Amino acid sequence: MFSFFKNQQEKVVEQQFKLWYKACMLFIEDKKILDNPRPKVGSCLFFIGSLDYLCQNNQIDDLKFAKLCKSLLPKSIYQPWLVSSLIISFYVKNIKTKFALEANLEGGKQIYAFLNKKNTMSPYVFSTLVEEWADNPDLGPEEISLFTES
């Protein structure tokens, strides 16, 4: 029975995240903006932060959290190597640049506000962040550290 309950928790996370992702992406008029390095990495970290929030609130362990990130983020935008690299750098190696930390925490903060009806416009916040990141579309030396050996 315990394993059934765990599977139910994962399904809840999966359903909540899929709705959250769709709501956020509704406000992105031109999806090609996510082809730029900074918006792509920032949005990936934002959604990883959203999933982190959901998993923590549903007592889902770190391994399943990582698997959910890889399975729920669309591979057409967020290639598996990118998701894996960011999870390893951010959560395992503890490389938390200002940009990465802000994007990740904002994902958790906004999904919390949205699910708890504190801010029904939280998905719109995602689009404003993406536009802000697109103003400076390339990753700087600090952000490149997310992808280098340390």
Protein backbone atom coordinates (compact mmCIF):
# COMPACT_ATOMS: atom_id res chain seq x y z
CA MET A 1 0.00 0.00 0.00
CA PHE A 2 2.86 2.38 0.78
CA SER A 3 4.23 2.07 -2.76
CA PHE A 4 0.76 2.75 -4.18
CA PHE A 5 0.64 5.97 -2.12
CA LYS A 6 4.06 7.00 -3.43
CA ASN A 7 2.94 6.40 -7.01
CA GLN A 8 -0.11 8.57 -6.35
CA GLN A 9 2.13 11.37 -5.05
CA GLU A 10 4.21 11.22 -8.22
CA LYS A 11 1.06 11.35 -10.34
CA VAL A 12 -0.14 14.41 -8.43
CA VAL A 13 3.22 16.11 -9.04
CA GLU A 14 3.11 15.14 -12.70
CA GLN A 15 -0.42 16.52 -13.18
CA GLN A 16 0.25 19.73 -11.28
CA PHE A 17 3.49 20.33 -13.15
CA LYS A 18 1.98 19.70 -16.58
CA LEU A 19 -0.77 22.25 -15.88
CA TRP A 20 1.76 24.72 -14.48
CA TYR A 21 4.06 24.30 -17.48
CA LYS A 22 1.22 24.85 -19.95
CA ALA A 23 0.01 27.92 -18.05
CA CYS A 24 3.50 29.43 -18.07
CA MET A 25 4.10 28.69 -21.74
CA LEU A 26 0.79 30.33 -22.76
CA PHE A 27 2.41 33.70 -22.12
CA ILE A 28 5.44 32.99 -24.33
CA GLU A 29 4.36 34.28 -27.73
CA ASP A 30 7.48 33.27 -29.65
CA LYS A 31 8.84 29.95 -28.40
CA LYS A 32 12.06 30.57 -30.36
CA ILE A 33 13.10 32.95 -27.57
CA LEU A 34 13.94 29.78 -25.63
CA ASP A 35 16.58 28.87 -28.23
CA ASN A 36 18.84 31.56 -26.73
CA PRO A 37 21.20 30.25 -24.04
CA ARG A 38 20.21 32.50 -21.12
CA PRO A 39 16.40 32.15 -21.53
CA LYS A 40 16.78 28.39 -22.10
CA VAL A 41 18.93 27.83 -19.00
CA GLY A 42 16.92 30.27 -16.89
CA SER A 43 13.59 28.72 -17.83
CA CYS A 44 14.95 25.22 -17.28
CA LEU A 45 16.13 26.21 -13.79
CA PHE A 46 12.76 27.92 -13.15
CA PHE A 47 10.87 24.72 -13.99
CA ILE A 48 13.34 22.56 -12.04
CA GLY A 49 12.67 24.84 -9.06
CA SER A 50 8.93 24.39 -9.57
CA LEU A 51 9.35 20.63 -9.60
CA ASP A 52 11.57 20.80 -6.54
CA TYR A 53 8.80 22.61 -4.67
CA LEU A 54 6.20 20.04 -5.75
CA CYS A 55 8.41 17.08 -4.87
CA GLN A 56 9.32 18.44 -1.44
CA ASN A 57 5.65 18.99 -0.64
CA ASN A 58 4.81 15.46 -1.70
CA GLN A 59 7.74 13.77 0.08
CA ILE A 60 9.30 12.58 -3.17
CA ASP A 61 12.96 11.68 -2.82
CA ASP A 62 15.83 13.26 -4.74
CA LEU A 63 16.27 10.40 -7.19
CA LYS A 64 12.61 10.49 -8.22
CA PHE A 65 12.80 14.30 -8.35
CA ALA A 66 15.64 14.05 -10.89
CA LYS A 67 13.75 11.44 -12.91
CA LEU A 68 10.62 13.60 -12.91
CA CYS A 69 12.63 16.59 -14.13
CA LYS A 70 14.05 14.59 -17.01
CA SER A 71 10.70 13.07 -17.96
CA LEU A 72 8.44 16.12 -17.57
CA LEU A 73 10.53 18.87 -19.17
CA PRO A 74 9.91 18.73 -22.95
CA LYS A 75 12.96 17.28 -24.67
CA SER A 76 12.32 19.44 -27.72
CA ILE A 77 13.26 22.51 -25.64
CA TYR A 78 15.22 21.12 -22.69
CA GLN A 79 17.54 18.39 -23.92
CA PRO A 80 18.21 15.63 -21.36
CA TRP A 81 21.92 16.57 -21.14
CA LEU A 82 20.92 20.14 -20.19
CA VAL A 83 18.50 19.04 -17.48
CA SER A 84 21.01 16.54 -16.09
CA SER A 85 23.86 19.06 -16.15
CA LEU A 86 21.83 21.67 -14.32
CA ILE A 87 20.57 19.24 -11.68
CA ILE A 88 24.08 17.91 -11.04
CA SER A 89 25.68 21.37 -10.94
CA PHE A 90 22.97 23.03 -8.87
CA TYR A 91 21.94 20.27 -6.47
CA VAL A 92 24.92 17.90 -6.30
CA LYS A 93 27.96 20.15 -6.85
CA ASN A 94 26.19 23.08 -5.17
CA ILE A 95 27.18 25.52 -7.94
CA LYS A 96 24.65 28.26 -7.38
CA THR A 97 25.42 31.36 -9.37
CA LYS A 98 23.25 34.39 -8.68
CA PHE A 99 21.39 33.87 -11.97
CA ALA A 100 20.84 30.14 -11.35
CA LEU A 101 19.75 30.61 -7.75
CA GLU A 102 17.29 33.38 -8.61
CA ALA A 103 15.77 31.43 -11.53
CA ASN A 104 15.44 28.24 -9.48
CA LEU A 105 13.98 29.90 -6.39
CA GLU A 106 11.57 31.95 -8.49
CA GLY A 107 10.18 28.74 -9.99
CA GLY A 108 9.37 27.38 -6.54
CA LYS A 109 8.06 30.70 -5.29
CA GLN A 110 5.75 31.23 -8.26
CA ILE A 111 4.23 27.74 -8.32
CA TYR A 112 3.64 28.03 -4.56
CA ALA A 113 1.84 31.36 -5.05
CA PHE A 114 -0.18 29.96 -7.93
CA LEU A 115 -1.27 26.73 -6.23
CA ASN A 116 -2.14 28.53 -3.00
CA LYS A 117 -4.17 31.16 -4.89
CA LYS A 118 -1.90 33.96 -3.66
CA ASN A 119 -1.12 35.07 -7.22
CA THR A 120 -3.14 33.75 -10.13
CA MET A 121 -0.86 35.68 -12.48
CA SER A 122 2.23 33.70 -11.49
CA PRO A 123 2.51 32.07 -14.93
CA TYR A 124 2.82 35.55 -16.40
CA VAL A 125 5.81 36.20 -14.13
CA PHE A 126 7.58 33.39 -15.99
CA SER A 127 7.17 35.18 -19.32
CA THR A 128 8.51 38.45 -17.92
CA LEU A 129 11.57 36.62 -16.62
CA VAL A 130 12.15 34.98 -20.01
CA GLU A 131 11.91 38.37 -21.71
CA GLU A 132 14.33 39.84 -19.18
CA TRP A 133 16.79 36.99 -19.76
CA ALA A 134 16.43 37.46 -23.54
CA ASP A 135 17.62 41.07 -23.20
CA ASN A 136 21.04 39.57 -22.47
CA PRO A 137 20.70 36.24 -24.30
CA ASP A 138 24.20 34.83 -23.84
CA LEU A 139 25.52 33.14 -20.75
CA GLY A 140 28.31 34.94 -18.94
CA PRO A 141 31.42 33.34 -17.45
CA GLU A 142 29.63 32.84 -14.13
CA GLU A 143 26.78 30.89 -15.75
CA ILE A 144 29.20 28.83 -17.87
CA SER A 145 30.50 27.44 -14.54
CA LEU A 146 27.24 25.46 -14.37
CA PHE A 147 28.58 23.35 -17.25
CA THR A 148 32.26 22.95 -16.36
CA GLU A 149 34.01 20.49 -14.12
CA SER A 150 34.80 21.76 -10.65
